[in-house]
Amino acid sequence: MSQFTIPTRAEVSEGNQAIFDNLKKNIGFVPNLYAYYAKSETALQDYLSFQGRKTSLSNKEKEVVNLVVSEFNGCQYCLSAHTQLGKMNGFTEEQILEIRSGKASFDFKLDALAQFTLASVAEKGKLNEEQKSNFFGAGYTEENLIDTTIAIGDKVISNYIHNLTNFSIDFPLAQPLEVTENA
C-alpha cells in the first residue's frame, strides 16, 4: 500500500478546487494523477497548461508518444490511462500493445514516430543519423521533432510522479506486454 494519498477537493487550495470542478464538469471525474498534483499550489495548473499546449502532433500521434514513453518508464498508471485514451482516438487493443513495444506496423508514419520516441527515451535524445533520418523520411519535420520531445517530457513528468508515489490507479488496468525472447 502506498504511503501517498490522493487529496480530496476539501484538502486542496481554492484555486485547485476550481480546477477540480472544471475537470469533473469536463471529463466526469478528477483523475488521481491530477488530484495528486494539487498537493502543490501551482503544479496542477502548470501541468494542465503544459499538457494542453498547442502542438503540431495529432491526438493519435500524442497517444503514440504517451504509450511508448509510459511503457519504457514502466508507469502502470499512465499505461492504463493512455490505453483508454488510445481507444478513444481510434486505436484497437492490439495496436495499442504494438505501439507500447515501440512499433506501429499498421501505419508507416506512426511506426516511424513510435521508433523515434523509443530511441529518444532509450538513448536520452542522442539518436544516430539513421534514426533521425527515418523520422524525417516518414514526413515529420523539425517542428514535429520539437513537439515530440516536449510530449516525451510531459509524459516523463507524470510517469515519474506515479512511479515515485504508486497511488491507486483509477482507470481499467492496461494488460502487460507479452515478453518474448528471440531464440
Protein backbone atom coordinates (compact mmCIF):
# COMPACT_ATOMS: atom_id res chain seq x y z
CA MET A 1 0.00 0.00 0.00
CA SER A 2 1.22 3.44 -0.86
CA GLN A 3 2.07 5.97 1.82
CA PHE A 4 1.00 8.65 -0.65
CA THR A 5 -2.65 9.65 -0.63
CA ILE A 6 -4.88 11.44 -3.09
CA PRO A 7 -6.23 14.70 -1.69
CA THR A 8 -9.94 15.35 -1.68
CA ARG A 9 -11.41 18.57 -3.02
CA ALA A 10 -11.69 19.91 0.54
CA GLU A 11 -7.97 19.31 1.14
CA VAL A 12 -6.67 21.45 -1.74
CA SER A 13 -6.40 25.19 -2.26
CA GLU A 14 -9.28 27.27 -3.56
CA GLY A 15 -7.60 27.60 -6.95
CA ASN A 16 -7.13 23.86 -7.21
CA GLN A 17 -10.74 23.32 -6.09
CA ALA A 18 -11.86 25.36 -9.10
CA ILE A 19 -9.70 23.17 -11.36
CA PHE A 20 -11.20 20.04 -9.76
CA ASP A 21 -14.68 21.43 -10.50
CA ASN A 22 -13.75 22.05 -14.17
CA LEU A 23 -12.23 18.59 -14.53
CA LYS A 24 -15.32 16.97 -13.02
CA LYS A 25 -17.56 19.01 -15.34
CA ASN A 26 -15.48 18.29 -18.47
CA ILE A 27 -14.43 14.66 -18.01
CA GLY A 28 -16.75 13.44 -15.30
CA PHE A 29 -14.17 12.92 -12.56
CA VAL A 30 -10.79 14.12 -11.28
CA PRO A 31 -8.16 11.52 -12.21
CA ASN A 32 -5.93 10.61 -9.28
CA LEU A 33 -2.82 11.85 -11.10
CA TYR A 34 -4.31 15.33 -11.48
CA ALA A 35 -5.58 15.30 -7.91
CA TYR A 36 -2.11 14.38 -6.66
CA TYR A 37 -0.62 17.38 -8.49
CA ALA A 38 -2.98 19.56 -6.43
CA LYS A 39 -0.87 18.88 -3.34
CA SER A 40 1.27 21.64 -4.85
CA GLU A 41 -0.24 25.11 -5.01
CA THR A 42 0.77 25.58 -8.67
CA ALA A 43 1.66 22.17 -10.17
CA LEU A 44 -1.83 21.15 -11.28
CA GLN A 45 -2.45 24.32 -13.31
CA ASP A 46 1.12 24.30 -14.61
CA TYR A 47 0.88 20.67 -15.70
CA LEU A 48 -2.54 21.06 -17.33
CA SER A 49 -1.29 24.11 -19.24
CA PHE A 50 1.81 22.21 -20.35
CA GLN A 51 -0.21 19.15 -21.33
CA GLY A 52 -2.81 21.21 -23.18
CA ARG A 53 -0.39 23.33 -25.19
CA LYS A 54 -0.85 23.65 -28.94
CA THR A 55 1.24 21.15 -30.87
CA SER A 56 1.93 20.03 -34.41
CA LEU A 57 1.15 16.44 -33.38
CA SER A 58 -2.31 14.96 -33.87
CA ASN A 59 -4.12 13.36 -30.94
CA LYS A 60 -3.22 9.92 -32.31
CA GLU A 61 0.44 10.91 -32.56
CA LYS A 62 0.42 12.26 -29.00
CA GLU A 63 -1.02 8.93 -27.81
CA VAL A 64 1.77 7.06 -29.61
CA VAL A 65 4.32 9.12 -27.68
CA ASN A 66 2.41 8.71 -24.39
CA LEU A 67 2.16 4.93 -24.76
CA VAL A 68 5.77 4.37 -25.82
CA VAL A 69 7.22 6.57 -23.06
CA SER A 70 4.93 5.14 -20.36
CA GLU A 71 5.88 1.57 -21.34
CA PHE A 72 9.58 2.44 -21.34
CA ASN A 73 9.27 4.04 -17.89
CA GLY A 74 7.07 1.24 -16.53
CA CYS A 75 4.26 3.55 -15.41
CA GLN A 76 1.17 1.40 -14.94
CA TYR A 77 -1.00 4.44 -14.18
CA CYS A 78 -0.18 6.21 -17.45
CA LEU A 79 -0.33 2.98 -19.47
CA SER A 80 -3.82 2.40 -18.11
CA ALA A 81 -4.98 5.97 -18.75
CA HIS A 82 -3.46 6.16 -22.23
CA THR A 83 -4.77 2.76 -23.23
CA GLN A 84 -8.25 4.22 -22.70
CA LEU A 85 -7.33 7.46 -24.49
CA GLY A 86 -5.75 5.48 -27.33
CA LYS A 87 -9.00 3.59 -27.80
CA MET A 88 -10.92 6.88 -27.76
CA ASN A 89 -8.59 8.07 -30.54
CA GLY A 90 -9.30 5.04 -32.74
CA PHE A 91 -6.59 2.53 -31.84
CA THR A 92 -7.50 -1.11 -31.25
CA GLU A 93 -6.24 -3.05 -28.24
CA GLU A 94 -3.79 -4.92 -30.49
CA GLN A 95 -2.49 -1.68 -32.00
CA ILE A 96 -2.01 -0.18 -28.54
CA LEU A 97 0.02 -3.18 -27.43
CA GLU A 98 2.20 -2.92 -30.53
CA ILE A 99 2.68 0.82 -30.03
CA ARG A 100 3.79 0.21 -26.45
CA SER A 101 6.54 -2.03 -27.84
CA GLY A 102 7.84 0.89 -29.93
CA LYS A 103 6.33 -0.11 -33.27
CA ALA A 104 3.20 0.55 -35.32
CA SER A 105 3.44 -1.76 -38.33
CA PHE A 106 -0.15 -0.85 -39.28
CA ASP A 107 0.86 2.75 -40.19
CA PHE A 108 4.18 3.79 -41.77
CA LYS A 109 4.24 7.28 -40.28
CA LEU A 110 3.14 6.25 -36.78
CA ASP A 111 5.71 3.44 -36.90
CA ALA A 112 8.46 5.99 -37.54
CA LEU A 113 7.14 8.10 -34.64
CA ALA A 114 6.98 5.12 -32.27
CA GLN A 115 10.53 4.05 -33.17
CA PHE A 116 11.82 7.63 -32.87
CA THR A 117 10.15 8.05 -29.48
CA LEU A 118 11.52 4.79 -28.10
CA ALA A 119 15.02 5.56 -29.37
CA SER A 120 14.79 9.08 -27.93
CA VAL A 121 13.98 7.88 -24.41
CA ALA A 122 16.31 4.88 -24.53
CA GLU A 123 19.23 6.95 -25.86
CA LYS A 124 18.39 10.12 -23.88
CA GLY A 125 17.98 12.06 -27.12
CA LYS A 126 21.34 11.01 -28.58
CA LEU A 127 19.99 9.44 -31.76
CA ASN A 128 22.17 8.49 -34.68
CA GLU A 129 21.67 9.95 -38.14
CA GLU A 130 19.75 6.90 -39.39
CA GLN A 131 17.22 7.14 -36.54
CA LYS A 132 16.64 10.83 -37.24
CA SER A 133 16.55 10.23 -41.00
CA ASN A 134 13.84 7.57 -40.59
CA PHE A 135 11.72 10.07 -38.63
CA PHE A 136 12.12 12.80 -41.22
CA GLY A 137 11.76 10.30 -44.08
CA ALA A 138 8.28 9.44 -42.81
CA GLY A 139 7.24 13.06 -43.31
CA TYR A 140 7.95 14.54 -39.90
CA THR A 141 9.53 17.99 -39.61
CA GLU A 142 11.82 19.78 -37.18
CA GLU A 143 8.68 21.29 -35.62
CA ASN A 144 7.43 17.74 -35.06
CA LEU A 145 10.81 16.81 -33.52
CA ILE A 146 10.44 19.66 -31.02
CA ASP A 147 6.80 18.82 -30.24
CA THR A 148 7.61 15.11 -29.88
CA THR A 149 10.41 15.95 -27.45
CA ILE A 150 8.07 18.19 -25.44
CA ALA A 151 5.46 15.39 -25.38
CA ILE A 152 8.14 13.00 -24.12
CA GLY A 153 8.99 15.45 -21.34
CA ASP A 154 5.32 15.81 -20.42
CA LYS A 155 4.93 12.06 -20.11
CA VAL A 156 8.19 11.58 -18.19
CA ILE A 157 6.90 14.02 -15.56
CA SER A 158 3.67 12.10 -14.95
CA ASN A 159 5.43 8.71 -15.20
CA TYR A 160 7.91 9.72 -12.53
CA ILE A 161 5.23 11.20 -10.25
CA HIS A 162 3.30 7.93 -10.29
CA ASN A 163 6.37 5.70 -10.13
CA LEU A 164 7.58 7.64 -7.08
CA THR A 165 4.24 7.57 -5.28
CA ASN A 166 2.39 4.48 -6.56
CA PHE A 167 -1.03 5.87 -5.64
CA SER A 168 -4.11 3.95 -6.77
CA ILE A 169 -4.96 3.68 -10.46
CA ASP A 170 -8.45 4.89 -11.33
CA PHE A 171 -8.60 3.54 -14.90
CA PRO A 172 -9.06 -0.05 -16.09
CA LEU A 173 -5.64 -1.66 -15.79
CA ALA A 174 -3.66 -1.98 -19.02
CA GLN A 175 -2.66 -5.53 -19.78
CA PRO A 176 1.05 -6.30 -19.65
CA LEU A 177 3.00 -6.79 -22.84
CA GLU A 178 3.82 -10.38 -23.70
CA VAL A 179 7.53 -10.87 -23.23
CA THR A 180 9.10 -12.97 -25.96
CA GLU A 181 12.72 -13.85 -26.34
CA ASN A 182 14.41 -14.34 -29.67
CA ALA A 183 15.99 -17.75 -29.69
